[in-house]
Amino acid sequence: MQEKGIDILALLNVPAEYRSQIRVDISLEDLIQFAEHLIKGIQHNNPALQQKPDIGRIDLAMEVTGLTKSTIYTKVSKGEIPVLRRDGTLFFSRKMLEKWILEGKQLTNKEIQNNAASYLK
């Protein structure tokens, strides 16, 4: 990331009181590369921002659901949890598991009453 011999990263080391006095011509490409560099640094230092894989094995299912390995295998055998099978191997989708969890929402008493009223109409 250099433009006319200026190292953009080195500019970060300029003391704050002198920064307003410095004018630098920076190309758009250098600015984009610098922004990507910052984003990678932030993602690297913050595990919550790192992109998580959507497809995984039993460890992914345990992470998403908070269930134990044996509970997940029991639910798989009973057909109670979404699972993908390929050549006898079990795979889980983060999106499918999250949707499955959200579909298990317990209705409030008000929602039950509204559903009953709608059904009786």
PDB file of N, CA and C in Angstrom:
ATOM      1  N   MET A   1       0.838  -1.180   0.000  1.00  0.00           N
ATOM      2  CA  MET A   1       0.000   0.000   0.000  1.00  0.00           C
ATOM      3  C   MET A   1       0.884   1.244   0.000  1.00  0.00           C
ATOM      4  N   GLN A   2       1.388   1.583  -1.113  1.00  0.00           N
ATOM      5  CA  GLN A   2       2.230   2.766  -1.186  1.00  0.00           C
ATOM      6  C   GLN A   2       1.795   3.645  -2.342  1.00  0.00           C
ATOM      7  N   GLU A   3       1.812   4.921  -2.120  1.00  0.00           N
ATOM      8  CA  GLU A   3       1.502   5.918  -3.141  1.00  0.00           C
ATOM      9  C   GLU A   3       2.589   6.965  -3.063  1.00  0.00           C
ATOM     10  N   LYS A   4       3.357   7.109  -4.128  1.00  0.00           N
ATOM     11  CA  LYS A   4       4.428   8.094  -4.191  1.00  0.00           C
ATOM     12  C   LYS A   4       5.403   7.926  -3.028  1.00  0.00           C
ATOM     13  N   GLY A   5       5.711   6.684  -2.671  1.00  0.00           N
ATOM     14  CA  GLY A   5       6.700   6.415  -1.636  1.00  0.00           C
ATOM     15  C   GLY A   5       6.197   6.581  -0.215  1.00  0.00           C
ATOM     16  N   ILE A   6       4.901   6.763   0.003  1.00  0.00           N
ATOM     17  CA  ILE A   6       4.364   6.946   1.352  1.00  0.00           C
ATOM     18  C   ILE A   6       3.729   5.648   1.816  1.00  0.00           C
ATOM     19  N   ASP A   7       4.144   5.181   2.964  1.00  0.00           N
ATOM     20  CA  ASP A   7       3.579   3.966   3.546  1.00  0.00           C
ATOM     21  C   ASP A   7       2.383   4.365   4.403  1.00  0.00           C
ATOM     22  N   ILE A   8       1.202   3.976   3.968  1.00  0.00           N
ATOM     23  CA  ILE A   8      -0.017   4.372   4.679  1.00  0.00           C
ATOM     24  C   ILE A   8      -0.001   3.879   6.126  1.00  0.00           C
ATOM     25  N   LEU A   9       0.464   2.653   6.331  1.00  0.00           N
ATOM     26  CA  LEU A   9       0.516   2.127   7.702  1.00  0.00           C
ATOM     27  C   LEU A   9       1.455   2.949   8.582  1.00  0.00           C
ATOM     28  N   ALA A  10       2.537   3.472   8.005  1.00  0.00           N
ATOM     29  CA  ALA A  10       3.480   4.278   8.782  1.00  0.00           C
ATOM     30  C   ALA A  10       2.837   5.581   9.258  1.00  0.00           C
ATOM     31  N   LEU A  11       1.833   6.067   8.539  1.00  0.00           N
ATOM     32  CA  LEU A  11       1.156   7.296   8.940  1.00  0.00           C
ATOM     33  C   LEU A  11       0.459   7.153  10.288  1.00  0.00           C
ATOM     34  N   LEU A  12       0.149   5.936  10.665  1.00  0.00           N
ATOM     35  CA  LEU A  12      -0.493   5.712  11.965  1.00  0.00           C
ATOM     36  C   LEU A  12       0.429   6.077  13.119  1.00  0.00           C
ATOM     37  N   ASN A  13       1.734   6.069  12.863  1.00  0.00           N
ATOM     38  CA  ASN A  13       2.709   6.379  13.908  1.00  0.00           C
ATOM     39  C   ASN A  13       2.987   7.863  14.051  1.00  0.00           C
ATOM     40  N   VAL A  14       2.406   8.693  13.182  1.00  0.00           N
ATOM     41  CA  VAL A  14       2.599  10.142  13.276  1.00  0.00           C
ATOM     42  C   VAL A  14       1.853  10.638  14.506  1.00  0.00           C
ATOM     43  N   PRO A  15       2.524  11.409  15.371  1.00  0.00           N
ATOM     44  CA  PRO A  15       1.849  11.940  16.571  1.00  0.00           C
ATOM     45  C   PRO A  15       0.610  12.745  16.194  1.00  0.00           C
ATOM     46  N   ALA A  16      -0.427  12.651  16.998  1.00  0.00           N
ATOM     47  CA  ALA A  16      -1.713  13.276  16.724  1.00  0.00           C
ATOM     48  C   ALA A  16      -1.600  14.772  16.486  1.00  0.00           C
ATOM     49  N   GLU A  17      -0.711  15.456  17.197  1.00  0.00           N
ATOM     50  CA  GLU A  17      -0.619  16.908  17.057  1.00  0.00           C
ATOM     51  C   GLU A  17      -0.069  17.339  15.698  1.00  0.00           C
ATOM     52  N   TYR A  18       0.567  16.435  14.951  1.00  0.00           N
ATOM     53  CA  TYR A  18       1.112  16.766  13.637  1.00  0.00           C
ATOM     54  C   TYR A  18       0.231  16.276  12.479  1.00  0.00           C
ATOM     55  N   ARG A  19      -0.740  15.457  12.761  1.00  0.00           N
ATOM     56  CA  ARG A  19      -1.542  14.851  11.687  1.00  0.00           C
ATOM     57  C   ARG A  19      -2.320  15.875  10.877  1.00  0.00           C
ATOM     58  N   SER A  20      -2.801  16.922  11.507  1.00  0.00           N
ATOM     59  CA  SER A  20      -3.587  17.928  10.767  1.00  0.00           C
ATOM     60  C   SER A  20      -2.720  18.726   9.803  1.00  0.00           C
ATOM     61  N   GLN A  21      -1.402  18.679   9.966  1.00  0.00           N
ATOM     62  CA  GLN A  21      -0.491  19.445   9.122  1.00  0.00           C
ATOM     63  C   GLN A  21      -0.011  18.650   7.904  1.00  0.00           C
ATOM     64  N   ILE A  22      -0.329  17.359   7.850  1.00  0.00           N
ATOM     65  CA  ILE A  22       0.166  16.497   6.783  1.00  0.00           C
ATOM     66  C   ILE A  22      -0.926  16.302   5.741  1.00  0.00           C
ATOM     67  N   ARG A  23      -0.575  16.504   4.481  1.00  0.00           N
ATOM     68  CA  ARG A  23      -1.488  16.255   3.371  1.00  0.00           C
ATOM     69  C   ARG A  23      -0.878  15.165   2.511  1.00  0.00           C
ATOM     70  N   VAL A  24      -1.665  14.142   2.219  1.00  0.00           N
ATOM     71  CA  VAL A  24      -1.170  13.002   1.457  1.00  0.00           C
ATOM     72  C   VAL A  24      -2.175  12.680   0.360  1.00  0.00           C
ATOM     73  N   ASP A  25      -1.671  12.460  -0.844  1.00  0.00           N
ATOM     74  CA  ASP A  25      -2.520  11.986  -1.933  1.00  0.00           C
ATOM     75  C   ASP A  25      -2.523  10.463  -1.871  1.00  0.00           C
ATOM     76  N   ILE A  26      -3.701   9.901  -1.677  1.00  0.00           N
ATOM     77  CA  ILE A  26      -3.828   8.451  -1.574  1.00  0.00           C
ATOM     78  C   ILE A  26      -4.789   7.975  -2.659  1.00  0.00           C
ATOM     79  N   SER A  27      -4.373   6.948  -3.366  1.00  0.00           N
ATOM     80  CA  SER A  27      -5.247   6.421  -4.413  1.00  0.00           C
ATOM     81  C   SER A  27      -6.412   5.674  -3.774  1.00  0.00           C
ATOM     82  N   LEU A  28      -7.486   5.574  -4.509  1.00  0.00           N
ATOM     83  CA  LEU A  28      -8.651   4.836  -4.028  1.00  0.00           C
ATOM     84  C   LEU A  28      -8.284   3.380  -3.758  1.00  0.00           C
ATOM     85  N   GLU A  29      -7.482   2.788  -4.627  1.00  0.00           N
ATOM     86  CA  GLU A  29      -7.066   1.391  -4.453  1.00  0.00           C
ATOM     87  C   GLU A  29      -6.311   1.216  -3.139  1.00  0.00           C
ATOM     88  N   ASP A  30      -5.392   2.168  -2.828  1.00  0.00           N
ATOM     89  CA  ASP A  30      -4.649   2.080  -1.565  1.00  0.00           C
ATOM     90  C   ASP A  30      -5.587   2.225  -0.371  1.00  0.00           C
ATOM     91  N   LEU A  31      -6.553   3.104  -0.494  1.00  0.00           N
ATOM     92  CA  LEU A  31      -7.510   3.314   0.596  1.00  0.00           C
ATOM     93  C   LEU A  31      -8.344   2.050   0.827  1.00  0.00           C
ATOM     94  N   ILE A  32      -8.774   1.406  -0.251  1.00  0.00           N
ATOM     95  CA  ILE A  32      -9.545   0.158  -0.140  1.00  0.00           C
ATOM     96  C   ILE A  32      -8.695  -0.938   0.482  1.00  0.00           C
ATOM     97  N   GLN A  33      -7.453  -1.063   0.038  1.00  0.00           N
ATOM     98  CA  GLN A  33      -6.559  -2.078   0.603  1.00  0.00           C
ATOM     99  C   GLN A  33      -6.326  -1.828   2.090  1.00  0.00           C
ATOM    100  N   PHE A  34      -6.179  -0.553   2.472  1.00  0.00           N
ATOM    101  CA  PHE A  34      -5.978  -0.223   3.872  1.00  0.00           C
ATOM    102  C   PHE A  34      -7.222  -0.582   4.694  1.00  0.00           C
ATOM    103  N   ALA A  35      -8.410  -0.282   4.160  1.00  0.00           N
ATOM    104  CA  ALA A  35      -9.657  -0.624   4.847  1.00  0.00           C
ATOM    105  C   ALA A  35      -9.776  -2.143   5.015  1.00  0.00           C
ATOM    106  N   GLU A  36      -9.434  -2.897   3.970  1.00  0.00           N
ATOM    107  CA  GLU A  36      -9.466  -4.365   4.067  1.00  0.00           C
ATOM    108  C   GLU A  36      -8.482  -4.856   5.118  1.00  0.00           C
ATOM    109  N   HIS A  37      -7.320  -4.222   5.176  1.00  0.00           N
ATOM    110  CA  HIS A  37      -6.313  -4.576   6.188  1.00  0.00           C
ATOM    111  C   HIS A  37      -6.873  -4.355   7.596  1.00  0.00           C
ATOM    112  N   LEU A  38      -7.549  -3.220   7.809  1.00  0.00           N
ATOM    113  CA  LEU A  38      -8.144  -2.931   9.116  1.00  0.00           C
ATOM    114  C   LEU A  38      -9.237  -3.932   9.474  1.00  0.00           C
ATOM    115  N   ILE A  39     -10.081  -4.244   8.501  1.00  0.00           N
ATOM    116  CA  ILE A  39     -11.178  -5.189   8.742  1.00  0.00           C
ATOM    117  C   ILE A  39     -10.632  -6.557   9.118  1.00  0.00           C
ATOM    118  N   LYS A  40      -9.606  -7.022   8.402  1.00  0.00           N
ATOM    119  CA  LYS A  40      -9.002  -8.322   8.731  1.00  0.00           C
ATOM    120  C   LYS A  40      -8.428  -8.312  10.130  1.00  0.00           C
ATOM    121  N   GLY A  41      -7.796  -7.209  10.520  1.00  0.00           N
ATOM    122  CA  GLY A  41      -7.232  -7.099  11.864  1.00  0.00           C
ATOM    123  C   GLY A  41      -8.308  -7.145  12.931  1.00  0.00           C
ATOM    124  N   ILE A  42      -9.414  -6.458  12.682  1.00  0.00           N
ATOM    125  CA  ILE A  42     -10.525  -6.455  13.638  1.00  0.00           C
ATOM    126  C   ILE A  42     -11.125  -7.851  13.748  1.00  0.00           C
ATOM    127  N   GLN A  43     -11.351  -8.508  12.605  1.00  0.00           N
ATOM    128  CA  GLN A  43     -11.922  -9.849  12.617  1.00  0.00           C
ATOM    129  C   GLN A  43     -10.994 -10.840  13.304  1.00  0.00           C
ATOM    130  N   HIS A  44      -9.697 -10.696  13.070  1.00  0.00           N
ATOM    131  CA  HIS A  44      -8.727 -11.620  13.665  1.00  0.00           C
ATOM    132  C   HIS A  44      -8.716 -11.494  15.185  1.00  0.00           C
ATOM    133  N   ASN A  45      -8.879 -10.269  15.675  1.00  0.00           N
ATOM    134  CA  ASN A  45      -8.813 -10.021  17.108  1.00  0.00           C
ATOM    135  C   ASN A  45     -10.152 -10.176  17.811  1.00  0.00           C
ATOM    136  N   ASN A  46     -11.225 -10.382  17.057  1.00  0.00           N
ATOM    137  CA  ASN A  46     -12.545 -10.533  17.659  1.00  0.00           C
ATOM    138  C   ASN A  46     -13.208 -11.794  17.110  1.00  0.00           C
ATOM    139  N   PRO A  47     -13.117 -12.906  17.854  1.00  0.00           N
ATOM    140  CA  PRO A  47     -13.683 -14.174  17.366  1.00  0.00           C
ATOM    141  C   PRO A  47     -15.165 -14.092  17.024  1.00  0.00           C
ATOM    142  N   ALA A  48     -15.901 -13.208  17.666  1.00  0.00           N
ATOM    143  CA  ALA A  48     -17.332 -13.093  17.386  1.00  0.00           C
ATOM    144  C   ALA A  48     -17.583 -12.582  15.972  1.00  0.00           C
ATOM    145  N   LEU A  49     -16.616 -11.856  15.394  1.00  0.00           N
ATOM    146  CA  LEU A  49     -16.780 -11.317  14.047  1.00  0.00           C
ATOM    147  C   LEU A  49     -16.279 -12.254  12.965  1.00  0.00           C
ATOM    148  N   GLN A  50     -15.595 -13.308  13.354  1.00  0.00           N
ATOM    149  CA  GLN A  50     -15.078 -14.238  12.356  1.00  0.00           C
ATOM    150  C   GLN A  50     -16.243 -15.019  11.763  1.00  0.00           C
ATOM    151  N   GLN A  51     -16.189 -15.188  10.458  1.00  0.00           N
ATOM    152  CA  GLN A  51     -17.267 -15.890   9.774  1.00  0.00           C
ATOM    153  C   GLN A  51     -17.235 -17.360  10.181  1.00  0.00           C
ATOM    154  N   LYS A  52     -18.372 -17.844  10.598  1.00  0.00           N
ATOM    155  CA  LYS A  52     -18.472 -19.229  11.040  1.00  0.00           C
ATOM    156  C   LYS A  52     -19.020 -20.078   9.904  1.00  0.00           C
ATOM    157  N   PRO A  53     -18.521 -21.309   9.781  1.00  0.00           N
ATOM    158  CA  PRO A  53     -19.011 -22.166   8.699  1.00  0.00           C
ATOM    159  C   PRO A  53     -20.473 -22.547   8.901  1.00  0.00           C
ATOM    160  N   ASP A  54     -21.197 -22.687   7.799  1.00  0.00           N
ATOM    161  CA  ASP A  54     -22.609 -23.060   7.893  1.00  0.00           C
ATOM    162  C   ASP A  54     -22.776 -24.564   8.009  1.00  0.00           C
ATOM    163  N   ILE A  55     -21.903 -25.336   7.385  1.00  0.00           N
ATOM    164  CA  ILE A  55     -22.013 -26.796   7.416  1.00  0.00           C
ATOM    165  C   ILE A  55     -20.891 -27.354   8.271  1.00  0.00           C
ATOM    166  N   GLY A  56     -21.243 -28.276   9.141  1.00  0.00           N
ATOM    167  CA  GLY A  56     -20.231 -28.885  10.000  1.00  0.00           C
ATOM    168  C   GLY A  56     -20.689 -30.230  10.520  1.00  0.00           C
ATOM    169  N   ARG A  57     -19.887 -30.766  11.406  1.00  0.00           N
ATOM    170  CA  ARG A  57     -20.164 -32.079  11.971  1.00  0.00           C
ATOM    171  C   ARG A  57     -20.835 -31.917  13.336  1.00  0.00           C
ATOM    172  N   ILE A  58     -20.708 -32.909  14.168  1.00  0.00           N
ATOM    173  CA  ILE A  58     -21.387 -32.939  15.467  1.00  0.00           C
ATOM    174  C   ILE A  58     -20.985 -31.761  16.352  1.00  0.00           C
ATOM    175  N   ASP A  59     -19.724 -31.316  16.245  1.00  0.00           N
ATOM    176  CA  ASP A  59     -19.277 -30.185  17.063  1.00  0.00           C
ATOM    177  C   ASP A  59     -20.075 -28.919  16.750  1.00  0.00           C
ATOM    178  N   LEU A  60     -20.412 -28.723  15.476  1.00  0.00           N
ATOM    179  CA  LEU A  60     -21.226 -27.574  15.095  1.00  0.00           C
ATOM    180  C   LEU A  60     -22.611 -27.680  15.727  1.00  0.00           C
ATOM    181  N   ALA A  61     -23.199 -28.864  15.672  1.00  0.00           N
ATOM    182  CA  ALA A  61     -24.533 -29.068  16.257  1.00  0.00           C
ATOM    183  C   ALA A  61     -24.499 -28.818  17.761  1.00  0.00           C
ATOM    184  N   MET A  62     -23.431 -29.255  18.413  1.00  0.00           N
ATOM    185  CA  MET A  62     -23.302 -29.031  19.855  1.00  0.00           C
ATOM    186  C   MET A  62     -23.161 -27.543  20.161  1.00  0.00           C
ATOM    187  N   GLU A  63     -22.383 -26.836  19.337  1.00  0.00           N
ATOM    188  CA  GLU A  63     -22.180 -25.393  19.541  1.00  0.00           C
ATOM    189  C   GLU A  63     -23.483 -24.624  19.373  1.00  0.00           C
ATOM    190  N   VAL A  64     -24.222 -24.915  18.309  1.00  0.00           N
ATOM    191  CA  VAL A  64     -25.442 -24.163  17.995  1.00  0.00           C
ATOM    192  C   VAL A  64     -26.549 -24.465  18.992  1.00  0.00           C
ATOM    193  N   THR A  65     -26.741 -25.744  19.320  1.00  0.00           N
ATOM    194  CA  THR A  65     -27.882 -26.122  20.161  1.00  0.00           C
ATOM    195  C   THR A  65     -27.583 -26.100  21.647  1.00  0.00           C
ATOM    196  N   GLY A  66     -26.324 -26.282  22.008  1.00  0.00           N
ATOM    197  CA  GLY A  66     -25.981 -26.387  23.425  1.00  0.00           C
ATOM    198  C   GLY A  66     -26.286 -27.760  23.996  1.00  0.00           C
ATOM    199  N   LEU A  67     -26.658 -28.701  23.130  1.00  0.00           N
ATOM    200  CA  LEU A  67     -26.971 -30.060  23.569  1.00  0.00           C
ATOM    201  C   LEU A  67     -25.710 -30.912  23.596  1.00  0.00           C
ATOM    202  N   THR A  68     -25.756 -31.995  24.358  1.00  0.00           N
ATOM    203  CA  THR A  68     -24.619 -32.910  24.399  1.00  0.00           C
ATOM    204  C   THR A  68     -24.603 -33.768  23.148  1.00  0.00           C
ATOM    205  N   LYS A  69     -23.468 -34.391  22.917  1.00  0.00           N
ATOM    206  CA  LYS A  69     -23.303 -35.248  21.744  1.00  0.00           C
ATOM    207  C   LYS A  69     -24.308 -36.391  21.770  1.00  0.00           C
ATOM    208  N   SER A  70     -24.480 -37.021  22.922  1.00  0.00           N
ATOM    209  CA  SER A  70     -25.403 -38.160  22.994  1.00  0.00           C
ATOM    210  C   SER A  70     -26.851 -37.728  22.765  1.00  0.00           C
ATOM    211  N   THR A  71     -27.223 -36.539  23.253  1.00  0.00           N
ATOM    212  CA  THR A  71     -28.580 -36.037  23.037  1.00  0.00           C
ATOM    213  C   THR A  71     -28.820 -35.770  21.556  1.00  0.00           C
ATOM    214  N   ILE A  72     -27.833 -35.204  20.902  1.00  0.00           N
ATOM    215  CA  ILE A  72     -27.970 -34.928  19.464  1.00  0.00           C
ATOM    216  C   ILE A  72     -28.123 -36.231  18.687  1.00  0.00           C
ATOM    217  N   TYR A  73     -27.278 -37.229  18.994  1.00  0.00           N
ATOM    218  CA  TYR A  73     -27.380 -38.512  18.297  1.00  0.00           C
ATOM    219  C   TYR A  73     -28.741 -39.163  18.555  1.00  0.00           C
ATOM    220  N   THR A  74     -29.276 -39.033  19.767  1.00  0.00           N
ATOM    221  CA  THR A  74     -30.597 -39.581  20.077  1.00  0.00           C
ATOM    222  C   THR A  74     -31.660 -38.877  19.238  1.00  0.00           C
ATOM    223  N   LYS A  75     -31.584 -37.556  19.166  1.00  0.00           N
ATOM    224  CA  LYS A  75     -32.557 -36.799  18.377  1.00  0.00           C
ATOM    225  C   LYS A  75     -32.443 -37.123  16.887  1.00  0.00           C
ATOM    226  N   VAL A  76     -31.222 -37.349  16.404  1.00  0.00           N
ATOM    227  CA  VAL A  76     -31.032 -37.739  14.999  1.00  0.00           C
ATOM    228  C   VAL A  76     -31.712 -39.072  14.742  1.00  0.00           C
ATOM    229  N   SER A  77     -31.506 -40.042  15.644  1.00  0.00           N
ATOM    230  CA  SER A  77     -32.082 -41.373  15.435  1.00  0.00           C
ATOM    231  C   SER A  77     -33.610 -41.359  15.485  1.00  0.00           C
ATOM    232  N   LYS A  78     -34.184 -40.405  16.237  1.00  0.00           N
ATOM    233  CA  LYS A  78     -35.639 -40.284  16.324  1.00  0.00           C
ATOM    234  C   LYS A  78     -36.198 -39.344  15.258  1.00  0.00           C
ATOM    235  N   GLY A  79     -35.321 -38.748  14.451  1.00  0.00           N
ATOM    236  CA  GLY A  79     -35.778 -37.815  13.414  1.00  0.00           C
ATOM    237  C   GLY A  79     -36.286 -36.513  13.984  1.00  0.00           C
ATOM    238  N   GLU A  80     -35.770 -36.102  15.127  1.00  0.00           N
ATOM    239  CA  GLU A  80     -36.262 -34.902  15.794  1.00  0.00           C
ATOM    240  C   GLU A  80     -35.428 -33.657  15.516  1.00  0.00           C
ATOM    241  N   ILE A  81     -34.293 -33.811  14.851  1.00  0.00           N
ATOM    242  CA  ILE A  81     -33.397 -32.683  14.616  1.00  0.00           C
ATOM    243  C   ILE A  81     -32.972 -32.709  13.146  1.00  0.00           C
ATOM    244  N   PRO A  82     -32.853 -31.548  12.509  1.00  0.00           N
ATOM    245  CA  PRO A  82     -32.460 -31.549  11.094  1.00  0.00           C
ATOM    246  C   PRO A  82     -31.011 -32.003  10.912  1.00  0.00           C
ATOM    247  N   VAL A  83     -30.814 -32.913   9.990  1.00  0.00           N
ATOM    248  CA  VAL A  83     -29.481 -33.461   9.745  1.00  0.00           C
ATOM    249  C   VAL A  83     -29.328 -33.736   8.259  1.00  0.00           C
ATOM    250  N   LEU A  84     -28.106 -33.657   7.786  1.00  0.00           N
ATOM    251  CA  LEU A  84     -27.785 -33.986   6.399  1.00  0.00           C
ATOM    252  C   LEU A  84     -26.915 -35.231   6.431  1.00  0.00           C
ATOM    253  N   ARG A  85     -27.166 -36.159   5.549  1.00  0.00           N
ATOM    254  CA  ARG A  85     -26.363 -37.392   5.494  1.00  0.00           C
ATOM    255  C   ARG A  85     -25.706 -37.493   4.131  1.00  0.00           C
ATOM    256  N   ARG A  86     -24.429 -37.848   4.153  1.00  0.00           N
ATOM    257  CA  ARG A  86     -23.695 -38.054   2.910  1.00  0.00           C
ATOM    258  C   ARG A  86     -22.767 -39.237   3.117  1.00  0.00           C
ATOM    259  N   ASP A  87     -23.010 -40.307   2.385  1.00  0.00           N
ATOM    260  CA  ASP A  87     -22.192 -41.527   2.489  1.00  0.00           C
ATOM    261  C   ASP A  87     -22.079 -42.013   3.936  1.00  0.00           C
ATOM    262  N   GLY A  88     -23.182 -41.952   4.664  1.00  0.00           N
ATOM    263  CA  GLY A  88     -23.210 -42.443   6.034  1.00  0.00           C
ATOM    264  C   GLY A  88     -22.661 -41.476   7.073  1.00  0.00           C
ATOM    265  N   THR A  89     -22.209 -40.321   6.630  1.00  0.00           N
ATOM    266  CA  THR A  89     -21.668 -39.325   7.549  1.00  0.00           C
ATOM    267  C   THR A  89     -22.736 -38.271   7.834  1.00  0.00           C
ATOM    268  N   LEU A  90     -22.827 -37.862   9.093  1.00  0.00           N
ATOM    269  CA  LEU A  90     -23.805 -36.849   9.481  1.00  0.00           C
ATOM    270  C   LEU A  90     -23.190 -35.462   9.376  1.00  0.00           C
ATOM    271  N   PHE A  91     -23.947 -34.543   8.786  1.00  0.00           N
ATOM    272  CA  PHE A  91     -23.559 -33.143   8.714  1.00  0.00           C
ATOM    273  C   PHE A  91     -24.723 -32.315   9.226  1.00  0.00           C
ATOM    274  N   PHE A  92     -24.402 -31.157   9.766  1.00  0.00           N
ATOM    275  CA  PHE A  92     -25.415 -30.259  10.301  1.00  0.00           C
ATOM    276  C   PHE A  92     -25.228 -28.882   9.683  1.00  0.00           C
ATOM    277  N   SER A  93     -26.334 -28.187   9.476  1.00  0.00           N
ATOM    278  CA  SER A  93     -26.312 -26.836   8.936  1.00  0.00           C
ATOM    279  C   SER A  93     -26.659 -25.862  10.055  1.00  0.00           C
ATOM    280  N   ARG A  94     -25.801 -24.867  10.250  1.00  0.00           N
ATOM    281  CA  ARG A  94     -26.046 -23.851  11.277  1.00  0.00           C
ATOM    282  C   ARG A  94     -27.413 -23.195  11.055  1.00  0.00           C
ATOM    283  N   LYS A  95     -27.707 -22.827   9.798  1.00  0.00           N
ATOM    284  CA  LYS A  95     -28.975 -22.156   9.492  1.00  0.00           C
ATOM    285  C   LYS A  95     -30.161 -23.066   9.792  1.00  0.00           C
ATOM    286  N   MET A  96     -30.058 -24.346   9.402  1.00  0.00           N
ATOM    287  CA  MET A  96     -31.161 -25.278   9.643  1.00  0.00           C
ATOM    288  C   MET A  96     -31.369 -25.491  11.140  1.00  0.00           C
ATOM    289  N   LEU A  97     -30.285 -25.596  11.895  1.00  0.00           N
ATOM    290  CA  LEU A  97     -30.407 -25.794  13.344  1.00  0.00           C
ATOM    291  C   LEU A  97     -31.007 -24.564  14.017  1.00  0.00           C
ATOM    292  N   GLU A  98     -30.577 -23.370  13.595  1.00  0.00           N
ATOM    293  CA  GLU A  98     -31.136 -22.147  14.174  1.00  0.00           C
ATOM    294  C   GLU A  98     -32.623 -22.036  13.867  1.00  0.00           C
ATOM    295  N   LYS A  99     -33.011 -22.384  12.637  1.00  0.00           N
ATOM    296  CA  LYS A  99     -34.431 -22.357  12.263  1.00  0.00           C
ATOM    297  C   LYS A  99     -35.210 -23.365  13.103  1.00  0.00           C
ATOM    298  N   TRP A 100     -34.653 -24.562  13.287  1.00  0.00           N
ATOM    299  CA  TRP A 100     -35.294 -25.611  14.080  1.00  0.00           C
ATOM    300  C   TRP A 100     -35.506 -25.132  15.518  1.00  0.00           C
ATOM    301  N   ILE A 101     -34.509 -24.460  16.072  1.00  0.00           N
ATOM    302  CA  ILE A 101     -34.634 -23.945  17.438  1.00  0.00           C
ATOM    303  C   ILE A 101     -35.744 -22.906  17.508  1.00  0.00           C
ATOM    304  N   LEU A 102     -35.766 -21.987  16.533  1.00  0.00           N
ATOM    305  CA  LEU A 102     -36.780 -20.930  16.542  1.00  0.00           C
ATOM    306  C   LEU A 102     -38.190 -21.463  16.335  1.00  0.00           C
ATOM    307  N   GLU A 103     -38.317 -22.564  15.582  1.00  0.00           N
ATOM    308  CA  GLU A 103     -39.637 -23.165  15.366  1.00  0.00           C
ATOM    309  C   GLU A 103     -40.183 -23.798  16.643  1.00  0.00           C
ATOM    310  N   GLY A 104     -39.337 -24.041  17.606  1.00  0.00           N
ATOM    311  CA  GLY A 104     -39.775 -24.648  18.861  1.00  0.00           C
ATOM    312  C   GLY A 104     -40.271 -23.645  19.885  1.00  0.00           C
ATOM    313  N   LYS A 105     -40.524 -22.414  19.447  1.00  0.00           N
ATOM    314  CA  LYS A 105     -40.981 -21.366  20.350  1.00  0.00           C
ATOM    315  C   LYS A 105     -42.300 -21.786  21.011  1.00  0.00           C
ATOM    316  N   GLN A 106     -42.334 -21.649  22.311  1.00  0.00           N
ATOM    317  CA  GLN A 106     -43.556 -21.966  23.040  1.00  0.00           C
ATOM    318  C   GLN A 106     -44.500 -20.779  22.923  1.00  0.00           C
ATOM    319  N   LEU A 107     -45.740 -21.056  22.564  1.00  0.00           N
ATOM    320  CA  LEU A 107     -46.727 -19.998  22.404  1.00  0.00           C
ATOM    321  C   LEU A 107     -47.114 -19.420  23.759  1.00  0.00           C
ATOM    322  N   THR A 108     -47.361 -18.114  23.780  1.00  0.00           N
ATOM    323  CA  THR A 108     -47.859 -17.479  24.995  1.00  0.00           C
ATOM    324  C   THR A 108     -49.349 -17.790  25.130  1.00  0.00           C
ATOM    325  N   ASN A 109     -49.906 -17.566  26.313  1.00  0.00           N
ATOM    326  CA  ASN A 109     -51.335 -17.805  26.530  1.00  0.00           C
ATOM    327  C   ASN A 109     -52.167 -16.943  25.575  1.00  0.00           C
ATOM    328  N   LYS A 110     -51.728 -15.724  25.338  1.00  0.00           N
ATOM    329  CA  LYS A 110     -52.449 -14.817  24.432  1.00  0.00           C
ATOM    330  C   LYS A 110     -52.442 -15.375  23.011  1.00  0.00           C
ATOM    331  N   GLU A 111     -51.288 -15.899  22.564  1.00  0.00           N
ATOM    332  CA  GLU A 111     -51.201 -16.478  21.224  1.00  0.00           C
ATOM    333  C   GLU A 111     -52.097 -17.705  21.097  1.00  0.00           C
ATOM    334  N   ILE A 112     -52.155 -18.510  22.128  1.00  0.00           N
ATOM    335  CA  ILE A 112     -53.015 -19.697  22.121  1.00  0.00           C
ATOM    336  C   ILE A 112     -54.482 -19.280  22.027  1.00  0.00           C
ATOM    337  N   GLN A 113     -54.862 -18.266  22.796  1.00  0.00           N
ATOM    338  CA  GLN A 113     -56.239 -17.770  22.759  1.00  0.00           C
ATOM    339  C   GLN A 113     -56.577 -17.209  21.375  1.00  0.00           C
ATOM    340  N   ASN A 114     -55.650 -16.459  20.793  1.00  0.00           N
ATOM    341  CA  ASN A 114     -55.888 -15.892  19.446  1.00  0.00           C
ATOM    342  C   ASN A 114     -56.018 -17.004  18.411  1.00  0.00           C
ATOM    343  N   ASN A 115     -55.151 -18.026  18.508  1.00  0.00           N
ATOM    344  CA  ASN A 115     -55.240 -19.150  17.569  1.00  0.00           C
ATOM    345  C   ASN A 115     -56.575 -19.902  17.727  1.00  0.00           C
ATOM    346  N   ALA A 116     -56.996 -20.071  18.966  1.00  0.00           N
ATOM    347  CA  ALA A 116     -58.276 -20.767  19.215  1.00  0.00           C
ATOM    348  C   ALA A 116     -59.451 -19.950  18.666  1.00  0.00           C
ATOM    349  N   ALA A 117     -59.382 -18.634  18.877  1.00  0.00           N
ATOM    350  CA  ALA A 117     -60.454 -17.760  18.397  1.00  0.00           C
ATOM    351  C   ALA A 117     -60.495 -17.790  16.858  1.00  0.00           C
ATOM    352  N   SER A 118     -59.331 -17.791  16.241  1.00  0.00           N
ATOM    353  CA  SER A 118     -59.275 -17.840  14.767  1.00  0.00           C
ATOM    354  C   SER A 118     -59.804 -19.171  14.246  1.00  0.00           C
ATOM    355  N   TYR A 119     -59.509 -20.243  14.957  1.00  0.00           N
ATOM    356  CA  TYR A 119     -59.936 -21.572  14.543  1.00  0.00           C
ATOM    357  C   TYR A 119     -61.448 -21.722  14.644  1.00  0.00           C
ATOM    358  N   LEU A 120     -62.040 -21.130  15.685  1.00  0.00           N
ATOM    359  CA  LEU A 120     -63.473 -21.258  15.935  1.00  0.00           C
ATOM    360  C   LEU A 120     -64.310 -20.364  15.012  1.00  0.00           C
ATOM    361  N   LYS A 121     -63.702 -19.447  14.326  1.00  0.00           N
ATOM    362  CA  LYS A 121     -64.466 -18.549  13.441  1.00  0.00           C
ATOM    363  C   LYS A 121     -64.941 -19.261  12.222  1.00  0.00           C
TER     364      LYS A 121
END
